[in-house]
Amino acid sequence: MSHQLRSYGYRILIGMIIGLAILSAPLLSHASHEEVDLGVLVPPPQSLDELADKAPLIFIGEVGPIEQYLDFGGYDWDGQLIAAPTDPSNARLAGIPFTDLLLHAKEVFRDDGTIAGKEPIILRVLGFATAEHKQLSQASEFPLSFTGDQHLFVLTPNPDGQSYGFYYGPWSRLIVDGDILRVSNGEQQPLQFGDKSRPVTLEEFIQAVKGE
């Protein structure tokens, strides 16, 4: 593995250690100062209602072009980006890489006004979504999103109010596999809850989102 890829992997690891409470911004937008635990990652949702409840924007769509790459340290309590540390003598103080991707909605199930208002849907993901890093990403438990990917997106706003993220990680980015839904983790396991042996279908998901 090249030095550049090792360095990239190290920075991603540091980002995960810091915790999704800061780096995966949707958690911050739903928590007070006292509720945020930087050492705890968000566990998978325990029900379909729980999954949908955190997402004001839900649709089937496609990942479009990259809008920008960012390198920052998270968000402050006002939702502003925290600038990456600039001490060149300490690689461990480097900012965490993110990529902003434009999403194209095809079939909308819930809209917070962004789609109706014809505003751009910006997905912010942890890591640099480049061709160079694609192989490294695919081997992870939570692969990056890349241009051309198609998913059922279950999105939560980031604290900046200008982008979205995955509150429940790969459970918020579902694979539509025929009639059933799959989690977009490394195993691509069927979406299931509790002791139910039957995977959730797209129709059941839509009914839950619409409250039917």
N, C-alpha and C. Protein backbone atom coordinates (compact mmCIF):
# COMPACT_ATOMS: atom_id res chain seq x y z
N MET A 1 0.85 -1.19 0.00
CA MET A 1 0.00 0.00 0.00
C MET A 1 0.89 1.24 0.00
N SER A 2 0.57 2.22 -0.79
CA SER A 2 1.38 3.42 -0.90
C SER A 2 1.32 4.23 0.38
N HIS A 3 2.35 5.09 0.56
CA HIS A 3 2.36 5.97 1.74
C HIS A 3 1.13 6.85 1.78
N GLN A 4 0.69 7.33 0.59
CA GLN A 4 -0.47 8.21 0.54
C GLN A 4 -1.72 7.50 1.01
N LEU A 5 -1.90 6.23 0.59
CA LEU A 5 -3.08 5.47 1.01
C LEU A 5 -3.01 5.15 2.50
N ARG A 6 -1.79 4.84 3.00
CA ARG A 6 -1.65 4.59 4.44
C ARG A 6 -2.00 5.83 5.24
N SER A 7 -1.53 6.97 4.76
CA SER A 7 -1.83 8.23 5.44
C SER A 7 -3.33 8.50 5.42
N TYR A 8 -3.96 8.25 4.28
CA TYR A 8 -5.40 8.45 4.16
C TYR A 8 -6.15 7.53 5.11
N GLY A 9 -5.76 6.25 5.14
CA GLY A 9 -6.41 5.31 6.02
C GLY A 9 -6.25 5.68 7.48
N TYR A 10 -5.08 6.21 7.84
CA TYR A 10 -4.83 6.64 9.21
C TYR A 10 -5.75 7.79 9.59
N ARG A 11 -5.91 8.72 8.69
CA ARG A 11 -6.76 9.89 8.97
C ARG A 11 -8.22 9.46 9.12
N ILE A 12 -8.66 8.51 8.31
CA ILE A 12 -10.02 7.99 8.45
C ILE A 12 -10.19 7.31 9.80
N LEU A 13 -9.18 6.53 10.20
CA LEU A 13 -9.24 5.85 11.49
C LEU A 13 -9.36 6.84 12.63
N ILE A 14 -8.56 7.90 12.58
CA ILE A 14 -8.64 8.93 13.61
C ILE A 14 -10.03 9.54 13.64
N GLY A 15 -10.59 9.76 12.46
CA GLY A 15 -11.94 10.32 12.39
C GLY A 15 -12.97 9.43 13.05
N MET A 16 -12.84 8.12 12.84
CA MET A 16 -13.80 7.21 13.45
C MET A 16 -13.60 7.14 14.96
N ILE A 17 -12.36 7.23 15.41
CA ILE A 17 -12.10 7.21 16.85
C ILE A 17 -12.70 8.43 17.53
N ILE A 18 -12.54 9.57 16.88
CA ILE A 18 -13.15 10.79 17.44
C ILE A 18 -14.63 10.60 17.61
N GLY A 19 -15.24 9.87 16.65
CA GLY A 19 -16.66 9.50 16.80
C GLY A 19 -17.58 10.23 15.85
N LEU A 20 -18.61 9.53 15.45
CA LEU A 20 -19.58 10.11 14.54
C LEU A 20 -20.38 11.23 15.19
N ALA A 21 -20.31 11.36 16.49
CA ALA A 21 -21.03 12.44 17.16
C ALA A 21 -20.58 13.82 16.69
N ILE A 22 -19.32 13.94 16.29
CA ILE A 22 -18.83 15.20 15.77
C ILE A 22 -18.68 15.13 14.27
N LEU A 23 -18.12 14.05 13.76
CA LEU A 23 -17.76 14.00 12.35
C LEU A 23 -18.92 13.63 11.44
N SER A 24 -19.85 12.85 11.91
CA SER A 24 -21.06 12.61 11.15
C SER A 24 -22.11 13.53 11.73
N ALA A 25 -22.18 14.70 11.16
CA ALA A 25 -22.86 15.84 11.74
C ALA A 25 -24.32 15.68 12.12
N PRO A 26 -25.10 14.81 11.47
CA PRO A 26 -26.52 14.74 11.85
C PRO A 26 -26.75 14.50 13.33
N LEU A 27 -25.87 13.75 13.99
CA LEU A 27 -26.04 13.50 15.41
C LEU A 27 -26.02 14.79 16.20
N LEU A 28 -25.14 15.69 15.82
CA LEU A 28 -25.02 16.96 16.53
C LEU A 28 -26.28 17.81 16.37
N SER A 29 -26.93 17.70 15.22
CA SER A 29 -28.08 18.54 14.98
C SER A 29 -29.29 18.11 15.80
N HIS A 30 -29.20 16.94 16.42
CA HIS A 30 -30.33 16.44 17.20
C HIS A 30 -29.98 16.28 18.68
N ALA A 31 -28.87 16.85 19.10
CA ALA A 31 -28.45 16.64 20.48
C ALA A 31 -28.04 17.94 21.13
N SER A 32 -28.29 18.01 22.43
CA SER A 32 -27.82 19.15 23.20
C SER A 32 -26.37 18.92 23.58
N HIS A 33 -25.73 19.90 24.22
CA HIS A 33 -24.34 19.74 24.65
C HIS A 33 -24.19 18.53 25.55
N GLU A 34 -25.15 18.31 26.45
CA GLU A 34 -25.04 17.23 27.41
C GLU A 34 -25.26 15.86 26.77
N GLU A 35 -26.02 15.81 25.66
CA GLU A 35 -26.38 14.54 25.07
C GLU A 35 -25.28 13.96 24.20
N VAL A 36 -24.37 14.79 23.69
CA VAL A 36 -23.36 14.31 22.77
C VAL A 36 -22.28 13.55 23.53
N ASP A 37 -22.08 12.29 23.17
CA ASP A 37 -21.03 11.47 23.76
C ASP A 37 -20.03 11.15 22.66
N LEU A 38 -18.86 11.77 22.73
CA LEU A 38 -17.90 11.63 21.65
C LEU A 38 -17.33 10.22 21.55
N GLY A 39 -17.54 9.40 22.55
CA GLY A 39 -16.99 8.06 22.49
C GLY A 39 -17.98 7.02 22.03
N VAL A 40 -19.20 7.42 21.71
CA VAL A 40 -20.24 6.45 21.36
C VAL A 40 -20.70 6.67 19.92
N LEU A 41 -20.67 5.63 19.13
CA LEU A 41 -21.18 5.70 17.78
C LEU A 41 -22.67 5.40 17.80
N VAL A 42 -23.38 5.90 16.82
CA VAL A 42 -24.82 5.67 16.76
C VAL A 42 -25.08 4.21 16.42
N PRO A 43 -25.80 3.47 17.26
CA PRO A 43 -26.09 2.07 16.96
C PRO A 43 -27.14 1.97 15.86
N PRO A 44 -27.28 0.80 15.24
CA PRO A 44 -28.29 0.64 14.20
C PRO A 44 -29.70 0.91 14.74
N PRO A 45 -30.60 1.37 13.89
CA PRO A 45 -31.98 1.60 14.33
C PRO A 45 -32.63 0.28 14.74
N GLN A 46 -33.53 0.37 15.71
CA GLN A 46 -34.18 -0.84 16.21
C GLN A 46 -35.54 -1.10 15.57
N SER A 47 -35.99 -0.17 14.76
CA SER A 47 -37.27 -0.35 14.07
C SER A 47 -37.28 0.51 12.82
N LEU A 48 -38.22 0.20 11.95
CA LEU A 48 -38.37 0.98 10.72
C LEU A 48 -38.80 2.41 11.04
N ASP A 49 -39.68 2.56 12.01
CA ASP A 49 -40.11 3.90 12.42
C ASP A 49 -38.94 4.71 12.96
N GLU A 50 -38.06 4.07 13.72
CA GLU A 50 -36.90 4.76 14.29
C GLU A 50 -35.96 5.23 13.18
N LEU A 51 -35.78 4.41 12.18
CA LEU A 51 -34.94 4.78 11.04
C LEU A 51 -35.50 5.98 10.31
N ALA A 52 -36.79 5.95 10.01
CA ALA A 52 -37.42 7.02 9.24
C ALA A 52 -37.59 8.30 10.04
N ASP A 53 -37.68 8.17 11.36
CA ASP A 53 -37.96 9.33 12.21
C ASP A 53 -36.84 10.37 12.17
N LYS A 54 -35.62 9.93 11.94
CA LYS A 54 -34.48 10.85 11.94
C LYS A 54 -34.24 11.50 10.59
N ALA A 55 -35.07 11.21 9.60
CA ALA A 55 -34.79 11.64 8.23
C ALA A 55 -35.93 12.46 7.64
N PRO A 56 -35.78 13.77 7.50
CA PRO A 56 -36.80 14.60 6.86
C PRO A 56 -36.72 14.58 5.34
N LEU A 57 -35.71 13.90 4.79
CA LEU A 57 -35.55 13.83 3.33
C LEU A 57 -35.26 12.39 2.94
N ILE A 58 -36.21 11.78 2.22
CA ILE A 58 -36.10 10.37 1.85
C ILE A 58 -36.49 10.21 0.39
N PHE A 59 -35.62 9.59 -0.38
CA PHE A 59 -35.92 9.38 -1.79
C PHE A 59 -34.99 8.32 -2.39
N ILE A 60 -35.43 7.77 -3.51
CA ILE A 60 -34.55 6.93 -4.32
C ILE A 60 -33.87 7.85 -5.33
N GLY A 61 -32.58 7.73 -5.42
CA GLY A 61 -31.87 8.64 -6.31
C GLY A 61 -30.49 8.14 -6.67
N GLU A 62 -29.74 9.00 -7.31
CA GLU A 62 -28.41 8.66 -7.80
C GLU A 62 -27.39 9.70 -7.34
N VAL A 63 -26.20 9.21 -7.05
CA VAL A 63 -25.11 10.10 -6.67
C VAL A 63 -24.56 10.77 -7.93
N GLY A 64 -24.57 12.09 -7.92
CA GLY A 64 -24.07 12.84 -9.06
C GLY A 64 -22.62 13.23 -8.89
N PRO A 65 -22.23 14.35 -9.46
CA PRO A 65 -20.81 14.75 -9.44
C PRO A 65 -20.36 15.22 -8.06
N ILE A 66 -19.05 15.23 -7.90
CA ILE A 66 -18.44 15.76 -6.69
C ILE A 66 -18.51 17.28 -6.72
N GLU A 67 -19.01 17.87 -5.66
CA GLU A 67 -19.08 19.32 -5.54
C GLU A 67 -17.78 19.90 -5.01
N GLN A 68 -17.23 19.26 -3.97
CA GLN A 68 -15.97 19.73 -3.41
C GLN A 68 -15.41 18.71 -2.43
N TYR A 69 -14.10 18.81 -2.20
CA TYR A 69 -13.43 18.08 -1.13
C TYR A 69 -13.18 19.05 0.01
N LEU A 70 -13.35 18.57 1.24
CA LEU A 70 -13.11 19.40 2.40
C LEU A 70 -12.16 18.69 3.35
N ASP A 71 -11.49 19.46 4.17
CA ASP A 71 -10.57 18.93 5.16
C ASP A 71 -10.75 19.78 6.41
N PHE A 72 -11.57 19.31 7.36
CA PHE A 72 -11.87 20.12 8.53
C PHE A 72 -12.00 19.27 9.77
N GLY A 73 -12.19 19.92 10.91
CA GLY A 73 -12.17 19.22 12.18
C GLY A 73 -13.51 18.94 12.80
N GLY A 74 -14.59 19.08 12.05
CA GLY A 74 -15.93 18.85 12.60
C GLY A 74 -16.74 20.14 12.56
N TYR A 75 -17.70 20.26 13.48
CA TYR A 75 -18.57 21.42 13.57
C TYR A 75 -18.54 22.00 14.97
N ASP A 76 -18.70 23.31 15.06
CA ASP A 76 -18.84 23.88 16.39
C ASP A 76 -20.32 23.87 16.78
N TRP A 77 -20.64 24.43 17.95
CA TRP A 77 -22.02 24.35 18.44
C TRP A 77 -22.97 25.24 17.66
N ASP A 78 -22.44 26.10 16.82
CA ASP A 78 -23.28 26.94 15.97
C ASP A 78 -23.44 26.36 14.57
N GLY A 79 -22.90 25.17 14.35
CA GLY A 79 -23.02 24.52 13.05
C GLY A 79 -21.99 24.95 12.03
N GLN A 80 -21.00 25.75 12.46
CA GLN A 80 -19.97 26.21 11.55
C GLN A 80 -18.83 25.19 11.48
N LEU A 81 -18.21 25.08 10.30
CA LEU A 81 -17.09 24.17 10.15
C LEU A 81 -15.91 24.62 11.01
N ILE A 82 -15.27 23.65 11.65
CA ILE A 82 -14.07 23.93 12.43
C ILE A 82 -12.87 23.75 11.51
N ALA A 83 -12.06 24.77 11.37
CA ALA A 83 -10.91 24.70 10.48
C ALA A 83 -9.95 23.61 10.92
N ALA A 84 -9.33 22.95 9.93
CA ALA A 84 -8.35 21.92 10.23
C ALA A 84 -7.13 22.53 10.90
N PRO A 85 -6.53 21.83 11.87
CA PRO A 85 -5.29 22.33 12.48
C PRO A 85 -4.21 22.52 11.41
N THR A 86 -3.34 23.46 11.62
CA THR A 86 -2.37 23.81 10.59
C THR A 86 -0.93 23.54 10.98
N ASP A 87 -0.70 22.81 12.08
CA ASP A 87 0.66 22.53 12.51
C ASP A 87 1.27 21.46 11.62
N PRO A 88 2.17 21.80 10.70
CA PRO A 88 2.70 20.81 9.76
C PRO A 88 3.64 19.80 10.40
N SER A 89 4.07 20.04 11.63
CA SER A 89 5.00 19.13 12.29
C SER A 89 4.31 17.95 12.96
N ASN A 90 2.97 18.00 13.01
CA ASN A 90 2.25 16.93 13.69
C ASN A 90 1.15 16.41 12.78
N ALA A 91 1.41 15.26 12.13
CA ALA A 91 0.45 14.69 11.18
C ALA A 91 -0.84 14.29 11.86
N ARG A 92 -0.80 14.02 13.17
CA ARG A 92 -1.99 13.59 13.88
C ARG A 92 -2.98 14.73 14.07
N LEU A 93 -2.54 15.94 13.82
CA LEU A 93 -3.43 17.08 13.96
C LEU A 93 -4.09 17.45 12.64
N ALA A 94 -3.87 16.62 11.61
CA ALA A 94 -4.47 16.92 10.31
C ALA A 94 -5.99 16.88 10.43
N GLY A 95 -6.66 17.68 9.60
CA GLY A 95 -8.11 17.65 9.57
C GLY A 95 -8.61 16.33 9.02
N ILE A 96 -9.91 16.12 9.12
CA ILE A 96 -10.52 14.90 8.63
C ILE A 96 -11.09 15.13 7.23
N PRO A 97 -10.84 14.23 6.29
CA PRO A 97 -11.30 14.44 4.91
C PRO A 97 -12.79 14.16 4.75
N PHE A 98 -13.45 15.00 3.99
CA PHE A 98 -14.85 14.83 3.63
C PHE A 98 -15.02 15.11 2.14
N THR A 99 -16.08 14.57 1.58
CA THR A 99 -16.45 14.86 0.20
C THR A 99 -17.91 15.29 0.14
N ASP A 100 -18.18 16.35 -0.57
CA ASP A 100 -19.56 16.79 -0.85
C ASP A 100 -19.96 16.31 -2.22
N LEU A 101 -21.08 15.59 -2.29
CA LEU A 101 -21.59 15.03 -3.54
C LEU A 101 -22.98 15.57 -3.81
N LEU A 102 -23.27 15.83 -5.06
CA LEU A 102 -24.61 16.26 -5.45
C LEU A 102 -25.47 15.03 -5.70
N LEU A 103 -26.67 15.00 -5.13
CA LEU A 103 -27.59 13.88 -5.32
C LEU A 103 -28.72 14.28 -6.26
N HIS A 104 -29.15 13.31 -7.07
CA HIS A 104 -30.28 13.52 -7.97
C HIS A 104 -31.44 12.63 -7.51
N ALA A 105 -32.54 13.25 -7.09
CA ALA A 105 -33.70 12.50 -6.62
C ALA A 105 -34.53 12.03 -7.81
N LYS A 106 -34.97 10.76 -7.74
CA LYS A 106 -35.79 10.19 -8.81
C LYS A 106 -37.21 9.87 -8.33
N GLU A 107 -37.31 9.32 -7.14
CA GLU A 107 -38.63 8.98 -6.58
C GLU A 107 -38.65 9.44 -5.13
N VAL A 108 -39.45 10.46 -4.84
CA VAL A 108 -39.41 11.12 -3.53
C VAL A 108 -40.52 10.59 -2.63
N PHE A 109 -40.16 10.24 -1.38
CA PHE A 109 -41.11 9.74 -0.40
C PHE A 109 -41.33 10.72 0.76
N ARG A 110 -40.34 11.57 1.00
CA ARG A 110 -40.47 12.60 2.04
C ARG A 110 -39.56 13.77 1.66
N ASP A 111 -40.10 14.98 1.74
CA ASP A 111 -39.34 16.15 1.32
C ASP A 111 -39.44 17.23 2.40
N ASP A 112 -38.29 17.76 2.80
CA ASP A 112 -38.28 18.84 3.79
C ASP A 112 -38.37 20.21 3.13
N GLY A 113 -38.65 20.23 1.84
CA GLY A 113 -38.75 21.47 1.10
C GLY A 113 -37.59 21.70 0.15
N THR A 114 -36.52 20.93 0.32
CA THR A 114 -35.34 21.10 -0.53
C THR A 114 -35.65 20.74 -1.98
N ILE A 115 -36.30 19.62 -2.18
CA ILE A 115 -36.60 19.17 -3.55
C ILE A 115 -37.67 20.05 -4.16
N ALA A 116 -38.73 20.34 -3.40
CA ALA A 116 -39.80 21.19 -3.92
C ALA A 116 -39.27 22.57 -4.27
N GLY A 117 -38.30 23.05 -3.50
CA GLY A 117 -37.72 24.36 -3.75
C GLY A 117 -36.62 24.35 -4.79
N LYS A 118 -36.37 23.16 -5.37
CA LYS A 118 -35.34 22.99 -6.40
C LYS A 118 -33.96 23.42 -5.92
N GLU A 119 -33.72 23.17 -4.63
CA GLU A 119 -32.40 23.43 -4.06
C GLU A 119 -31.50 22.21 -4.28
N PRO A 120 -30.20 22.41 -4.37
CA PRO A 120 -29.30 21.27 -4.54
C PRO A 120 -29.29 20.39 -3.29
N ILE A 121 -29.23 19.09 -3.50
CA ILE A 121 -29.14 18.14 -2.39
C ILE A 121 -27.69 17.73 -2.27
N ILE A 122 -27.03 18.19 -1.23
CA ILE A 122 -25.61 17.93 -1.04
C ILE A 122 -25.42 16.88 0.05
N LEU A 123 -24.80 15.77 -0.32
CA LEU A 123 -24.46 14.71 0.62
C LEU A 123 -23.01 14.87 1.04
N ARG A 124 -22.77 14.96 2.34
CA ARG A 124 -21.40 15.07 2.86
C ARG A 124 -21.00 13.75 3.50
N VAL A 125 -19.94 13.14 2.97
CA VAL A 125 -19.50 11.84 3.45
C VAL A 125 -18.07 11.94 3.99
N LEU A 126 -17.78 11.09 4.97
CA LEU A 126 -16.46 11.04 5.57
C LEU A 126 -15.50 10.34 4.61
N GLY A 127 -14.43 11.01 4.21
CA GLY A 127 -13.44 10.45 3.31
C GLY A 127 -13.40 11.17 1.97
N PHE A 128 -12.33 10.95 1.22
CA PHE A 128 -12.21 11.52 -0.11
C PHE A 128 -12.67 10.49 -1.13
N ALA A 129 -13.78 10.77 -1.80
CA ALA A 129 -14.37 9.83 -2.76
C ALA A 129 -13.67 9.95 -4.11
N THR A 130 -12.43 9.50 -4.17
CA THR A 130 -11.65 9.54 -5.40
C THR A 130 -11.46 8.13 -5.93
N ALA A 131 -11.15 8.02 -7.21
CA ALA A 131 -10.91 6.71 -7.82
C ALA A 131 -9.75 6.00 -7.12
N GLU A 132 -8.77 6.76 -6.68
CA GLU A 132 -7.60 6.19 -6.01
C GLU A 132 -7.98 5.47 -4.72
N HIS A 133 -9.00 5.99 -4.04
CA HIS A 133 -9.38 5.44 -2.74
C HIS A 133 -10.58 4.49 -2.83
N LYS A 134 -11.08 4.25 -4.02
CA LYS A 134 -12.30 3.44 -4.15
C LYS A 134 -12.09 2.02 -3.67
N GLN A 135 -10.97 1.40 -4.03
CA GLN A 135 -10.71 0.02 -3.62
C GLN A 135 -10.58 -0.09 -2.11
N LEU A 136 -9.88 0.88 -1.51
CA LEU A 136 -9.74 0.90 -0.06
C LEU A 136 -11.10 1.03 0.61
N SER A 137 -11.97 1.86 0.03
CA SER A 137 -13.29 2.08 0.60
C SER A 137 -14.15 0.82 0.52
N GLN A 138 -14.12 0.14 -0.61
CA GLN A 138 -14.97 -1.03 -0.81
C GLN A 138 -14.66 -2.15 0.17
N ALA A 139 -13.45 -2.16 0.70
CA ALA A 139 -13.06 -3.20 1.65
C ALA A 139 -13.50 -2.86 3.07
N SER A 140 -14.06 -1.68 3.26
CA SER A 140 -14.47 -1.25 4.60
C SER A 140 -15.89 -1.68 4.91
N GLU A 141 -16.28 -1.52 6.17
CA GLU A 141 -17.63 -1.89 6.59
C GLU A 141 -18.66 -0.84 6.16
N PHE A 142 -18.20 0.36 5.87
CA PHE A 142 -19.10 1.42 5.43
C PHE A 142 -18.47 2.09 4.21
N PRO A 143 -18.64 1.50 3.03
CA PRO A 143 -18.02 2.05 1.82
C PRO A 143 -18.47 3.48 1.54
N LEU A 144 -17.59 4.25 0.92
CA LEU A 144 -17.93 5.61 0.52
C LEU A 144 -19.00 5.59 -0.56
N SER A 145 -19.64 6.72 -0.75
CA SER A 145 -20.55 6.91 -1.88
C SER A 145 -19.74 7.47 -3.05
N PHE A 146 -20.06 7.00 -4.27
CA PHE A 146 -19.36 7.45 -5.46
C PHE A 146 -20.36 7.83 -6.54
N THR A 147 -19.94 8.69 -7.43
CA THR A 147 -20.79 9.12 -8.54
C THR A 147 -21.30 7.90 -9.30
N GLY A 148 -22.61 7.89 -9.53
CA GLY A 148 -23.24 6.78 -10.25
C GLY A 148 -23.94 5.78 -9.36
N ASP A 149 -23.63 5.78 -8.06
CA ASP A 149 -24.31 4.87 -7.12
C ASP A 149 -25.79 5.23 -7.02
N GLN A 150 -26.62 4.21 -6.91
CA GLN A 150 -28.05 4.43 -6.75
C GLN A 150 -28.52 3.77 -5.46
N HIS A 151 -29.25 4.54 -4.66
CA HIS A 151 -29.68 4.05 -3.35
C HIS A 151 -31.03 4.65 -2.98
N LEU A 152 -31.60 4.09 -1.92
CA LEU A 152 -32.69 4.73 -1.21
C LEU A 152 -32.03 5.55 -0.10
N PHE A 153 -32.03 6.86 -0.23
CA PHE A 153 -31.35 7.75 0.69
C PHE A 153 -32.30 8.18 1.82
N VAL A 154 -31.85 8.00 3.05
CA VAL A 154 -32.62 8.35 4.25
C VAL A 154 -31.78 9.41 4.98
N LEU A 155 -32.00 10.67 4.64
CA LEU A 155 -31.04 11.73 4.97
C LEU A 155 -31.46 12.62 6.12
N THR A 156 -30.46 13.02 6.89
CA THR A 156 -30.62 13.93 8.02
C THR A 156 -29.76 15.17 7.79
N PRO A 157 -30.26 16.37 8.05
CA PRO A 157 -29.47 17.58 7.83
C PRO A 157 -28.24 17.64 8.74
N ASN A 158 -27.16 18.17 8.21
CA ASN A 158 -25.98 18.46 9.01
C ASN A 158 -26.18 19.79 9.75
N PRO A 159 -25.36 20.06 10.76
CA PRO A 159 -25.52 21.31 11.52
C PRO A 159 -25.36 22.57 10.69
N ASP A 160 -24.66 22.48 9.56
CA ASP A 160 -24.48 23.68 8.74
C ASP A 160 -25.74 24.09 8.00
N GLY A 161 -26.74 23.19 7.95
CA GLY A 161 -27.99 23.49 7.27
C GLY A 161 -27.88 23.53 5.76
N GLN A 162 -26.74 23.13 5.22
CA GLN A 162 -26.52 23.20 3.78
C GLN A 162 -26.18 21.85 3.16
N SER A 163 -26.08 20.82 4.00
CA SER A 163 -25.74 19.50 3.50
C SER A 163 -26.43 18.45 4.36
N TYR A 164 -26.35 17.20 3.90
CA TYR A 164 -27.01 16.09 4.58
C TYR A 164 -26.00 14.99 4.87
N GLY A 165 -26.38 14.13 5.80
CA GLY A 165 -25.55 12.98 6.13
C GLY A 165 -26.41 11.79 6.50
N PHE A 166 -25.74 10.69 6.87
CA PHE A 166 -26.41 9.44 7.22
C PHE A 166 -26.41 9.28 8.74
N TYR A 167 -27.54 9.52 9.37
CA TYR A 167 -27.62 9.43 10.83
C TYR A 167 -27.25 8.03 11.31
N TYR A 168 -27.75 7.01 10.62
CA TYR A 168 -27.49 5.63 11.01
C TYR A 168 -26.46 4.96 10.10
N GLY A 169 -25.58 5.74 9.53
CA GLY A 169 -24.54 5.15 8.69
C GLY A 169 -25.13 4.38 7.51
N PRO A 170 -24.65 3.15 7.26
CA PRO A 170 -25.12 2.39 6.10
C PRO A 170 -26.59 2.00 6.16
N TRP A 171 -27.21 2.08 7.33
CA TRP A 171 -28.65 1.81 7.44
C TRP A 171 -29.47 2.99 6.87
N SER A 172 -28.83 4.13 6.71
CA SER A 172 -29.50 5.29 6.12
C SER A 172 -29.22 5.43 4.62
N ARG A 173 -28.54 4.45 4.06
CA ARG A 173 -28.25 4.42 2.63
C ARG A 173 -28.53 2.99 2.17
N LEU A 174 -29.76 2.77 1.71
CA LEU A 174 -30.24 1.41 1.47
C LEU A 174 -30.14 1.02 -0.01
N ILE A 175 -29.87 -0.25 -0.20
CA ILE A 175 -29.83 -0.83 -1.54
C ILE A 175 -31.21 -1.39 -1.85
N VAL A 176 -31.78 -0.97 -2.96
CA VAL A 176 -33.07 -1.50 -3.39
C VAL A 176 -32.78 -2.72 -4.25
N ASP A 177 -32.97 -3.89 -3.67
CA ASP A 177 -32.63 -5.16 -4.32
C ASP A 177 -33.93 -5.89 -4.65
N GLY A 178 -34.51 -5.55 -5.80
CA GLY A 178 -35.80 -6.13 -6.14
C GLY A 178 -36.85 -5.57 -5.21
N ASP A 179 -37.58 -6.46 -4.54
CA ASP A 179 -38.63 -6.01 -3.63
C ASP A 179 -38.11 -5.69 -2.23
N ILE A 180 -36.96 -6.28 -1.85
CA ILE A 180 -36.47 -6.08 -0.49
C ILE A 180 -35.41 -4.98 -0.45
N LEU A 181 -35.11 -4.53 0.76
CA LEU A 181 -34.08 -3.52 0.98
C LEU A 181 -32.88 -4.16 1.67
N ARG A 182 -31.69 -3.67 1.31
CA ARG A 182 -30.46 -4.14 1.93
C ARG A 182 -29.67 -2.96 2.49
N VAL A 183 -28.92 -3.25 3.55
CA VAL A 183 -28.07 -2.24 4.17
C VAL A 183 -26.81 -2.09 3.33
N SER A 184 -26.34 -0.87 3.15
CA SER A 184 -25.17 -0.66 2.29
C SER A 184 -23.86 -0.77 3.05
N ASN A 185 -23.76 -1.78 3.92
CA ASN A 185 -22.50 -2.06 4.60
C ASN A 185 -21.72 -3.10 3.80
N GLY A 186 -20.63 -3.57 4.35
CA GLY A 186 -19.81 -4.52 3.61
C GLY A 186 -20.54 -5.80 3.28
N GLU A 187 -21.40 -6.27 4.18
CA GLU A 187 -22.12 -7.52 3.98
C GLU A 187 -23.37 -7.34 3.12
N GLN A 188 -23.84 -6.11 2.99
CA GLN A 188 -25.08 -5.82 2.26
C GLN A 188 -26.21 -6.72 2.74
N GLN A 189 -26.36 -6.80 4.04
CA GLN A 189 -27.37 -7.68 4.64
C GLN A 189 -28.77 -7.14 4.42
N PRO A 190 -29.76 -8.01 4.34
CA PRO A 190 -31.16 -7.55 4.22
C PRO A 190 -31.54 -6.69 5.42
N LEU A 191 -32.36 -5.68 5.17
CA LEU A 191 -32.83 -4.80 6.23
C LEU A 191 -33.88 -5.55 7.05
N GLN A 192 -33.56 -5.83 8.31
CA GLN A 192 -34.46 -6.56 9.21
C GLN A 192 -34.41 -5.92 10.59
N PHE A 193 -35.49 -6.09 11.35
CA PHE A 193 -35.55 -5.52 12.70
C PHE A 193 -36.07 -6.57 13.67
N GLY A 194 -35.50 -6.56 14.87
CA GLY A 194 -35.98 -7.46 15.92
C GLY A 194 -35.83 -8.91 15.53
N ASP A 195 -36.83 -9.69 15.90
CA ASP A 195 -36.77 -11.13 15.63
C ASP A 195 -37.50 -11.51 14.34
N LYS A 196 -37.83 -10.51 13.53
CA LYS A 196 -38.49 -10.80 12.26
C LYS A 196 -37.49 -11.42 11.28
N SER A 197 -37.86 -12.54 10.73
CA SER A 197 -36.96 -13.21 9.80
C SER A 197 -37.13 -12.70 8.37
N ARG A 198 -38.21 -11.97 8.12
CA ARG A 198 -38.49 -11.51 6.76
C ARG A 198 -37.91 -10.10 6.56
N PRO A 199 -37.15 -9.90 5.49
CA PRO A 199 -36.59 -8.56 5.23
C PRO A 199 -37.69 -7.55 4.92
N VAL A 200 -37.38 -6.29 5.18
CA VAL A 200 -38.30 -5.20 4.89
C VAL A 200 -38.35 -4.97 3.38
N THR A 201 -39.56 -4.84 2.85
CA THR A 201 -39.71 -4.55 1.43
C THR A 201 -39.79 -3.04 1.20
N LEU A 202 -39.58 -2.65 -0.03
CA LEU A 202 -39.68 -1.23 -0.37
C LEU A 202 -41.10 -0.73 -0.10
N GLU A 203 -42.08 -1.53 -0.40
CA GLU A 203 -43.48 -1.12 -0.16
C GLU A 203 -43.74 -0.88 1.32
N GLU A 204 -43.23 -1.76 2.18
CA GLU A 204 -43.40 -1.60 3.63
C GLU A 204 -42.68 -0.33 4.11
N PHE A 205 -41.53 -0.07 3.55
CA PHE A 205 -40.79 1.13 3.93
C PHE A 205 -41.58 2.38 3.57
N ILE A 206 -42.11 2.42 2.36
CA ILE A 206 -42.89 3.59 1.90
C ILE A 206 -44.11 3.80 2.78
N GLN A 207 -44.78 2.71 3.15
CA GLN A 207 -45.94 2.82 4.01
C GLN A 207 -45.57 3.39 5.38
N ALA A 208 -44.42 2.97 5.91
CA ALA A 208 -43.98 3.49 7.20
C ALA A 208 -43.66 4.97 7.13
N VAL A 209 -43.02 5.38 6.03
CA VAL A 209 -42.65 6.77 5.86
C VAL A 209 -43.89 7.66 5.75
N LYS A 210 -44.90 7.15 5.07
CA LYS A 210 -46.12 7.92 4.86
C LYS A 210 -47.10 7.77 6.00
N GLY A 211 -46.76 6.93 6.99
CA GLY A 211 -47.63 6.74 8.14
C GLY A 211 -48.87 5.95 7.86
N GLU A 212 -48.82 5.09 6.86
CA GLU A 212 -50.00 4.31 6.49
C GLU A 212 -50.06 3.01 7.29
